[in-house]
PDB file of all heavy atoms in Angstrom:
ATOM      1  N   ASP A   1       0.807  -1.243  -0.002  1.00  0.00           N
ATOM      2  CA  ASP A   1      -0.010   0.001   0.000  1.00  0.00           C
ATOM      3  C   ASP A   1       0.839   1.279  -0.002  1.00  0.00           C
ATOM      4  O   ASP A   1       0.285   2.377   0.039  1.00  0.00           O
ATOM      5  CB  ASP A   1      -0.935   0.001   1.214  1.00  0.00           C
ATOM      6  CG  ASP A   1      -1.933  -1.124   1.140  1.00  0.00           C
ATOM      7  OD1 ASP A   1      -2.340  -1.493   0.015  1.00  0.00           O
ATOM      8  OD2 ASP A   1      -2.317  -1.652   2.203  1.00  0.00           O
ATOM      9  N   ASP A   2       2.149   1.145  -0.075  1.00  0.00           N
ATOM     10  CA  ASP A   2       3.048   2.305  -0.033  1.00  0.00           C
ATOM     11  C   ASP A   2       2.973   3.064  -1.362  1.00  0.00           C
ATOM     12  O   ASP A   2       3.188   2.467  -2.432  1.00  0.00           O
ATOM     13  CB  ASP A   2       4.488   1.855   0.212  1.00  0.00           C
ATOM     14  CG  ASP A   2       5.433   2.993   0.471  1.00  0.00           C
ATOM     15  OD1 ASP A   2       5.156   4.133   0.082  1.00  0.00           O
ATOM     16  OD2 ASP A   2       6.510   2.735   1.054  1.00  0.00           O
ATOM     17  N   PRO A   3       2.649   4.366  -1.353  1.00  0.00           N
ATOM     18  CA  PRO A   3       2.574   5.104  -2.607  1.00  0.00           C
ATOM     19  C   PRO A   3       3.907   5.205  -3.357  1.00  0.00           C
ATOM     20  O   PRO A   3       3.916   5.533  -4.540  1.00  0.00           O
ATOM     21  CB  PRO A   3       2.057   6.481  -2.184  1.00  0.00           C
ATOM     22  CG  PRO A   3       2.313   6.590  -0.743  1.00  0.00           C
ATOM     23  CD  PRO A   3       2.322   5.192  -0.201  1.00  0.00           C
ATOM     24  N   GLN A   4       5.021   4.912  -2.702  1.00  0.00           N
ATOM     25  CA  GLN A   4       6.309   4.920  -3.385  1.00  0.00           C
ATOM     26  C   GLN A   4       6.308   3.932  -4.555  1.00  0.00           C
ATOM     27  O   GLN A   4       6.973   4.138  -5.540  1.00  0.00           O
ATOM     28  CB  GLN A   4       7.452   4.578  -2.411  1.00  0.00           C
ATOM     29  CG  GLN A   4       8.823   4.518  -3.058  1.00  0.00           C
ATOM     30  CD  GLN A   4       9.238   5.839  -3.699  1.00  0.00           C
ATOM     31  OE1 GLN A   4       9.114   6.882  -3.073  1.00  0.00           O
ATOM     32  NE2 GLN A   4       9.707   5.802  -4.929  1.00  0.00           N
ATOM     33  N   ARG A   5       5.491   2.916  -4.446  1.00  0.00           N
ATOM     34  CA  ARG A   5       5.374   1.925  -5.533  1.00  0.00           C
ATOM     35  C   ARG A   5       4.984   2.612  -6.837  1.00  0.00           C
ATOM     36  O   ARG A   5       5.456   2.276  -7.902  1.00  0.00           O
ATOM     37  CB  ARG A   5       4.340   0.868  -5.125  1.00  0.00           C
ATOM     38  CG  ARG A   5       4.110  -0.218  -6.122  1.00  0.00           C
ATOM     39  CD  ARG A   5       2.805   0.028  -6.881  1.00  0.00           C
ATOM     40  NE  ARG A   5       2.480  -1.093  -7.709  1.00  0.00           N
ATOM     41  CZ  ARG A   5       2.890  -1.239  -8.973  1.00  0.00           C
ATOM     42  NH1 ARG A   5       3.617  -0.336  -9.537  1.00  0.00           N
ATOM     43  NH2 ARG A   5       2.533  -2.261  -9.692  1.00  0.00           N
ATOM     44  N   TRP A   6       4.113   3.600  -6.736  1.00  0.00           N
ATOM     45  CA  TRP A   6       3.658   4.315  -7.936  1.00  0.00           C
ATOM     46  C   TRP A   6       4.725   5.270  -8.437  1.00  0.00           C
ATOM     47  O   TRP A   6       4.832   5.500  -9.632  1.00  0.00           O
ATOM     48  CB  TRP A   6       2.309   4.983  -7.648  1.00  0.00           C
ATOM     49  CG  TRP A   6       1.339   3.955  -7.186  1.00  0.00           C
ATOM     50  CD1 TRP A   6       0.835   3.795  -5.926  1.00  0.00           C
ATOM     51  CD2 TRP A   6       0.829   2.861  -7.956  1.00  0.00           C
ATOM     52  NE1 TRP A   6       0.035   2.672  -5.879  1.00  0.00           N
ATOM     53  CE2 TRP A   6       0.005   2.081  -7.115  1.00  0.00           C
ATOM     54  CE3 TRP A   6       0.971   2.459  -9.281  1.00  0.00           C
ATOM     55  CZ2 TRP A   6      -0.669   0.953  -7.532  1.00  0.00           C
ATOM     56  CZ3 TRP A   6       0.302   1.328  -9.723  1.00  0.00           C
ATOM     57  CH2 TRP A   6      -0.511   0.590  -8.843  1.00  0.00           C
ATOM     58  N   GLY A   7       5.519   5.794  -7.510  1.00  0.00           N
ATOM     59  CA  GLY A   7       6.666   6.596  -7.946  1.00  0.00           C
ATOM     60  C   GLY A   7       7.685   5.724  -8.686  1.00  0.00           C
ATOM     61  O   GLY A   7       8.248   6.139  -9.707  1.00  0.00           O
ATOM     62  N   ASP A   8       7.868   4.500  -8.194  1.00  0.00           N
ATOM     63  CA  ASP A   8       8.775   3.561  -8.881  1.00  0.00           C
ATOM     64  C   ASP A   8       8.216   3.195 -10.246  1.00  0.00           C
ATOM     65  O   ASP A   8       8.974   3.061 -11.218  1.00  0.00           O
ATOM     66  CB  ASP A   8       8.955   2.290  -8.041  1.00  0.00           C
ATOM     67  CG  ASP A   8       9.689   2.560  -6.745  1.00  0.00           C
ATOM     68  OD1 ASP A   8      10.497   3.518  -6.674  1.00  0.00           O
ATOM     69  OD2 ASP A   8       9.470   1.805  -5.770  1.00  0.00           O
ATOM     70  N   GLN A   9       6.889   3.055 -10.343  1.00  0.00           N
ATOM     71  CA  GLN A   9       6.295   2.743 -11.644  1.00  0.00           C
ATOM     72  C   GLN A   9       6.485   3.903 -12.607  1.00  0.00           C
ATOM     73  O   GLN A   9       6.746   3.701 -13.792  1.00  0.00           O
ATOM     74  CB  GLN A   9       4.807   2.395 -11.477  1.00  0.00           C
ATOM     75  CG  GLN A   9       4.186   1.966 -12.794  1.00  0.00           C
ATOM     76  CD  GLN A   9       2.858   1.249 -12.602  1.00  0.00           C
ATOM     77  OE1 GLN A   9       2.775   0.338 -11.798  1.00  0.00           O
ATOM     78  NE2 GLN A   9       1.844   1.668 -13.329  1.00  0.00           N
ATOM     79  N   SER A  10       6.378   5.127 -12.108  1.00  0.00           N
ATOM     80  CA  SER A  10       6.637   6.301 -12.939  1.00  0.00           C
ATOM     81  C   SER A  10       8.087   6.301 -13.420  1.00  0.00           C
ATOM     82  O   SER A  10       8.371   6.639 -14.577  1.00  0.00           O
ATOM     83  CB  SER A  10       6.331   7.570 -12.148  1.00  0.00           C
ATOM     84  OG  SER A  10       6.717   8.736 -12.858  1.00  0.00           O
ATOM     85  N   ASN A  11       9.010   5.920 -12.532  1.00  0.00           N
ATOM     86  CA  ASN A  11      10.414   5.821 -12.930  1.00  0.00           C
ATOM     87  C   ASN A  11      10.614   4.757 -13.995  1.00  0.00           C
ATOM     88  O   ASN A  11      11.383   4.940 -14.934  1.00  0.00           O
ATOM     89  CB  ASN A  11      11.289   5.536 -11.724  1.00  0.00           C
ATOM     90  CG  ASN A  11      11.378   6.694 -10.773  1.00  0.00           C
ATOM     91  OD1 ASN A  11      11.128   7.852 -11.153  1.00  0.00           O
ATOM     92  ND2 ASN A  11      11.715   6.437  -9.525  1.00  0.00           N
ATOM     93  N   LEU A  12       9.913   3.634 -13.864  1.00  0.00           N
ATOM     94  CA  LEU A  12       9.997   2.584 -14.873  1.00  0.00           C
ATOM     95  C   LEU A  12       9.498   3.128 -16.212  1.00  0.00           C
ATOM     96  O   LEU A  12      10.118   2.889 -17.260  1.00  0.00           O
ATOM     97  CB  LEU A  12       9.161   1.369 -14.453  1.00  0.00           C
ATOM     98  CG  LEU A  12       9.003   0.271 -15.494  1.00  0.00           C
ATOM     99  CD1 LEU A  12      10.356  -0.324 -15.906  1.00  0.00           C
ATOM    100  CD2 LEU A  12       8.080  -0.833 -14.951  1.00  0.00           C
ATOM    101  N   ALA A  13       8.399   3.854 -16.179  1.00  0.00           N
ATOM    102  CA  ALA A  13       7.879   4.464 -17.432  1.00  0.00           C
ATOM    103  C   ALA A  13       8.909   5.405 -18.049  1.00  0.00           C
ATOM    104  O   ALA A  13       9.086   5.425 -19.274  1.00  0.00           O
ATOM    105  CB  ALA A  13       6.575   5.187 -17.152  1.00  0.00           C
ATOM    106  N   ASP A  14       9.605   6.160 -17.215  1.00  0.00           N
ATOM    107  CA  ASP A  14      10.635   7.064 -17.744  1.00  0.00           C
ATOM    108  C   ASP A  14      11.744   6.269 -18.426  1.00  0.00           C
ATOM    109  O   ASP A  14      12.242   6.687 -19.477  1.00  0.00           O
ATOM    110  CB  ASP A  14      11.221   7.931 -16.625  1.00  0.00           C
ATOM    111  CG  ASP A  14      12.204   8.946 -17.130  1.00  0.00           C
ATOM    112  OD1 ASP A  14      11.844   9.726 -18.054  1.00  0.00           O
ATOM    113  OD2 ASP A  14      13.353   8.960 -16.649  1.00  0.00           O
ATOM    114  N   ILE A  15      12.128   5.163 -17.861  1.00  0.00           N
ATOM    115  CA  ILE A  15      13.139   4.303 -18.471  1.00  0.00           C
ATOM    116  C   ILE A  15      12.646   3.798 -19.827  1.00  0.00           C
ATOM    117  O   ILE A  15      13.402   3.800 -20.803  1.00  0.00           O
ATOM    118  CB  ILE A  15      13.498   3.121 -17.535  1.00  0.00           C
ATOM    119  CG1 ILE A  15      14.243   3.647 -16.297  1.00  0.00           C
ATOM    120  CG2 ILE A  15      14.345   2.071 -18.267  1.00  0.00           C
ATOM    121  CD1 ILE A  15      14.357   2.646 -15.171  1.00  0.00           C
ATOM    122  N   LEU A  16      11.386   3.440 -19.904  1.00  0.00           N
ATOM    123  CA  LEU A  16      10.810   2.986 -21.172  1.00  0.00           C
ATOM    124  C   LEU A  16      10.816   4.120 -22.199  1.00  0.00           C
ATOM    125  O   LEU A  16      11.116   3.897 -23.376  1.00  0.00           O
ATOM    126  CB  LEU A  16       9.408   2.434 -20.967  1.00  0.00           C
ATOM    127  CG  LEU A  16       9.290   1.176 -20.091  1.00  0.00           C
ATOM    128  CD1 LEU A  16       7.836   0.825 -19.853  1.00  0.00           C
ATOM    129  CD2 LEU A  16      10.056   0.031 -20.672  1.00  0.00           C
ATOM    130  N   ILE A  17      10.492   5.327 -21.752  1.00  0.00           N
ATOM    131  CA  ILE A  17      10.504   6.476 -22.644  1.00  0.00           C
ATOM    132  C   ILE A  17      11.923   6.700 -23.184  1.00  0.00           C
ATOM    133  O   ILE A  17      12.121   6.948 -24.374  1.00  0.00           O
ATOM    134  CB  ILE A  17       9.986   7.739 -21.909  1.00  0.00           C
ATOM    135  CG1 ILE A  17       8.492   7.600 -21.632  1.00  0.00           C
ATOM    136  CG2 ILE A  17      10.292   9.009 -22.718  1.00  0.00           C
ATOM    137  CD1 ILE A  17       7.951   8.637 -20.659  1.00  0.00           C
ATOM    138  N   GLN A  18      12.911   6.571 -22.318  1.00  0.00           N
ATOM    139  CA  GLN A  18      14.303   6.739 -22.733  1.00  0.00           C
ATOM    140  C   GLN A  18      14.715   5.701 -23.759  1.00  0.00           C
ATOM    141  O   GLN A  18      15.603   5.952 -24.582  1.00  0.00           O
ATOM    142  CB  GLN A  18      15.248   6.677 -21.525  1.00  0.00           C
ATOM    143  CG  GLN A  18      15.029   7.773 -20.508  1.00  0.00           C
ATOM    144  CD  GLN A  18      15.131   9.170 -21.091  1.00  0.00           C
ATOM    145  OE1 GLN A  18      16.003   9.450 -21.903  1.00  0.00           O
ATOM    146  NE2 GLN A  18      14.228  10.036 -20.699  1.00  0.00           N
ATOM    147  N   GLN A  19      14.050   4.551 -23.757  1.00  0.00           N
ATOM    148  CA  GLN A  19      14.314   3.494 -24.719  1.00  0.00           C
ATOM    149  C   GLN A  19      13.471   3.650 -25.993  1.00  0.00           C
ATOM    150  O   GLN A  19      13.525   2.786 -26.874  1.00  0.00           O
ATOM    151  CB  GLN A  19      14.022   2.115 -24.090  1.00  0.00           C
ATOM    152  CG  GLN A  19      14.957   1.750 -22.986  1.00  0.00           C
ATOM    153  CD  GLN A  19      14.559   0.437 -22.308  1.00  0.00           C
ATOM    154  OE1 GLN A  19      13.383   0.208 -22.022  1.00  0.00           O
ATOM    155  NE2 GLN A  19      15.527  -0.405 -22.074  1.00  0.00           N
ATOM    156  N   GLY A  20      12.679   4.693 -26.066  1.00  0.00           N
ATOM    157  CA  GLY A  20      11.816   4.903 -27.222  1.00  0.00           C
ATOM    158  C   GLY A  20      10.537   4.084 -27.193  1.00  0.00           C
ATOM    159  O   GLY A  20       9.902   3.875 -28.205  1.00  0.00           O
ATOM    160  N   ARG A  21      10.148   3.623 -26.018  1.00  0.00           N
ATOM    161  CA  ARG A  21       8.966   2.759 -25.863  1.00  0.00           C
ATOM    162  C   ARG A  21       7.845   3.534 -25.191  1.00  0.00           C
ATOM    163  O   ARG A  21       7.291   3.147 -24.175  1.00  0.00           O
ATOM    164  CB  ARG A  21       9.379   1.516 -25.068  1.00  0.00           C
ATOM    165  CG  ARG A  21      10.406   0.684 -25.829  1.00  0.00           C
ATOM    166  CD  ARG A  21      11.095  -0.349 -24.972  1.00  0.00           C
ATOM    167  NE  ARG A  21      10.189  -1.234 -24.277  1.00  0.00           N
ATOM    168  CZ  ARG A  21      10.567  -2.004 -23.257  1.00  0.00           C
ATOM    169  NH1 ARG A  21      11.828  -1.993 -22.832  1.00  0.00           N
ATOM    170  NH2 ARG A  21       9.689  -2.795 -22.670  1.00  0.00           N
ATOM    171  N   LYS A  22       7.497   4.657 -25.781  1.00  0.00           N
ATOM    172  CA  LYS A  22       6.473   5.538 -25.214  1.00  0.00           C
ATOM    173  C   LYS A  22       5.128   4.843 -25.057  1.00  0.00           C
ATOM    174  O   LYS A  22       4.440   5.050 -24.067  1.00  0.00           O
ATOM    175  CB  LYS A  22       6.298   6.800 -26.075  1.00  0.00           C
ATOM    176  CG  LYS A  22       7.485   7.720 -26.054  1.00  0.00           C
ATOM    177  CD  LYS A  22       7.234   8.933 -26.925  1.00  0.00           C
ATOM    178  CE  LYS A  22       8.378   9.914 -26.851  1.00  0.00           C
ATOM    179  NZ  LYS A  22       8.088  11.130 -27.669  1.00  0.00           N
ATOM    180  N   ALA A  23       4.755   4.036 -26.038  1.00  0.00           N
ATOM    181  CA  ALA A  23       3.451   3.358 -25.970  1.00  0.00           C
ATOM    182  C   ALA A  23       3.366   2.436 -24.759  1.00  0.00           C
ATOM    183  O   ALA A  23       2.287   2.280 -24.177  1.00  0.00           O
ATOM    184  CB  ALA A  23       3.207   2.562 -27.260  1.00  0.00           C
ATOM    185  N   ASN A  24       4.488   1.850 -24.363  1.00  0.00           N
ATOM    186  CA  ASN A  24       4.502   0.995 -23.170  1.00  0.00           C
ATOM    187  C   ASN A  24       4.456   1.819 -21.877  1.00  0.00           C
ATOM    188  O   ASN A  24       3.992   1.333 -20.856  1.00  0.00           O
ATOM    189  CB  ASN A  24       5.736   0.109 -23.158  1.00  0.00           C
ATOM    190  CG  ASN A  24       5.803  -0.839 -24.340  1.00  0.00           C
ATOM    191  OD1 ASN A  24       6.505  -0.561 -25.286  1.00  0.00           O
ATOM    192  ND2 ASN A  24       5.058  -1.917 -24.286  1.00  0.00           N
ATOM    193  N   ALA A  25       4.974   3.034 -21.950  1.00  0.00           N
ATOM    194  CA  ALA A  25       5.052   3.880 -20.763  1.00  0.00           C
ATOM    195  C   ALA A  25       3.708   4.512 -20.411  1.00  0.00           C
ATOM    196  O   ALA A  25       3.391   4.716 -19.237  1.00  0.00           O
ATOM    197  CB  ALA A  25       6.093   4.986 -20.984  1.00  0.00           C
ATOM    198  N   ILE A  26       2.905   4.831 -21.411  1.00  0.00           N
ATOM    199  CA  ILE A  26       1.660   5.574 -21.181  1.00  0.00           C
ATOM    200  C   ILE A  26       0.728   4.884 -20.192  1.00  0.00           C
ATOM    201  O   ILE A  26       0.284   5.510 -19.214  1.00  0.00           O
ATOM    202  CB  ILE A  26       0.963   5.911 -22.526  1.00  0.00           C
ATOM    203  CG1 ILE A  26       1.806   6.938 -23.273  1.00  0.00           C
ATOM    204  CG2 ILE A  26      -0.463   6.385 -22.302  1.00  0.00           C
ATOM    205  CD1 ILE A  26       1.358   7.199 -24.695  1.00  0.00           C
ATOM    206  N   PRO A  27       0.387   3.585 -20.353  1.00  0.00           N
ATOM    207  CA  PRO A  27      -0.536   2.989 -19.377  1.00  0.00           C
ATOM    208  C   PRO A  27       0.078   2.908 -17.978  1.00  0.00           C
ATOM    209  O   PRO A  27      -0.659   3.017 -16.982  1.00  0.00           O
ATOM    210  CB  PRO A  27      -0.822   1.595 -19.945  1.00  0.00           C
ATOM    211  CG  PRO A  27       0.159   1.373 -21.030  1.00  0.00           C
ATOM    212  CD  PRO A  27       0.695   2.688 -21.451  1.00  0.00           C
ATOM    213  N   LEU A  28       1.377   2.724 -17.881  1.00  0.00           N
ATOM    214  CA  LEU A  28       2.013   2.693 -16.550  1.00  0.00           C
ATOM    215  C   LEU A  28       1.882   4.056 -15.867  1.00  0.00           C
ATOM    216  O   LEU A  28       1.602   4.134 -14.671  1.00  0.00           O
ATOM    217  CB  LEU A  28       3.501   2.339 -16.684  1.00  0.00           C
ATOM    218  CG  LEU A  28       3.821   0.938 -17.183  1.00  0.00           C
ATOM    219  CD1 LEU A  28       5.326   0.764 -17.346  1.00  0.00           C
ATOM    220  CD2 LEU A  28       3.271  -0.119 -16.235  1.00  0.00           C
ATOM    221  N   LEU A  29       2.074   5.116 -16.626  1.00  0.00           N
ATOM    222  CA  LEU A  29       1.954   6.468 -16.078  1.00  0.00           C
ATOM    223  C   LEU A  29       0.514   6.806 -15.715  1.00  0.00           C
ATOM    224  O   LEU A  29       0.259   7.398 -14.658  1.00  0.00           O
ATOM    225  CB  LEU A  29       2.522   7.508 -17.053  1.00  0.00           C
ATOM    226  CG  LEU A  29       4.044   7.460 -17.179  1.00  0.00           C
ATOM    227  CD1 LEU A  29       4.511   8.214 -18.415  1.00  0.00           C
ATOM    228  CD2 LEU A  29       4.688   8.017 -15.910  1.00  0.00           C
ATOM    229  N   GLU A  30      -0.413   6.431 -16.560  1.00  0.00           N
ATOM    230  CA  GLU A  30      -1.821   6.700 -16.266  1.00  0.00           C
ATOM    231  C   GLU A  30      -2.246   6.009 -14.967  1.00  0.00           C
ATOM    232  O   GLU A  30      -2.957   6.598 -14.139  1.00  0.00           O
ATOM    233  CB  GLU A  30      -2.713   6.282 -17.430  1.00  0.00           C
ATOM    234  CG  GLU A  30      -2.536   7.179 -18.640  1.00  0.00           C
ATOM    235  CD  GLU A  30      -3.256   6.700 -19.888  1.00  0.00           C
ATOM    236  OE1 GLU A  30      -3.563   5.493 -19.992  1.00  0.00           O
ATOM    237  OE2 GLU A  30      -3.495   7.550 -20.764  1.00  0.00           O
ATOM    238  N   GLU A  31      -1.804   4.767 -14.785  1.00  0.00           N
ATOM    239  CA  GLU A  31      -2.122   4.033 -13.556  1.00  0.00           C
ATOM    240  C   GLU A  31      -1.444   4.677 -12.356  1.00  0.00           C
ATOM    241  O   GLU A  31      -2.062   4.849 -11.296  1.00  0.00           O
ATOM    242  CB  GLU A  31      -1.696   2.576 -13.689  1.00  0.00           C
ATOM    243  CG  GLU A  31      -2.028   1.745 -12.480  1.00  0.00           C
ATOM    244  CD  GLU A  31      -1.568   0.304 -12.591  1.00  0.00           C
ATOM    245  OE1 GLU A  31      -0.560   0.024 -13.283  1.00  0.00           O
ATOM    246  OE2 GLU A  31      -2.235  -0.555 -11.961  1.00  0.00           O
TER     247      GLU A  31
END
């Protein structure tokens, strides 16, 4: 239940963006 989990998911999405995988990042960021 720690909200840091969602911060980590946002960081994962940023890594995906850096790899050119924006489409994979969008649902992670929305969630």
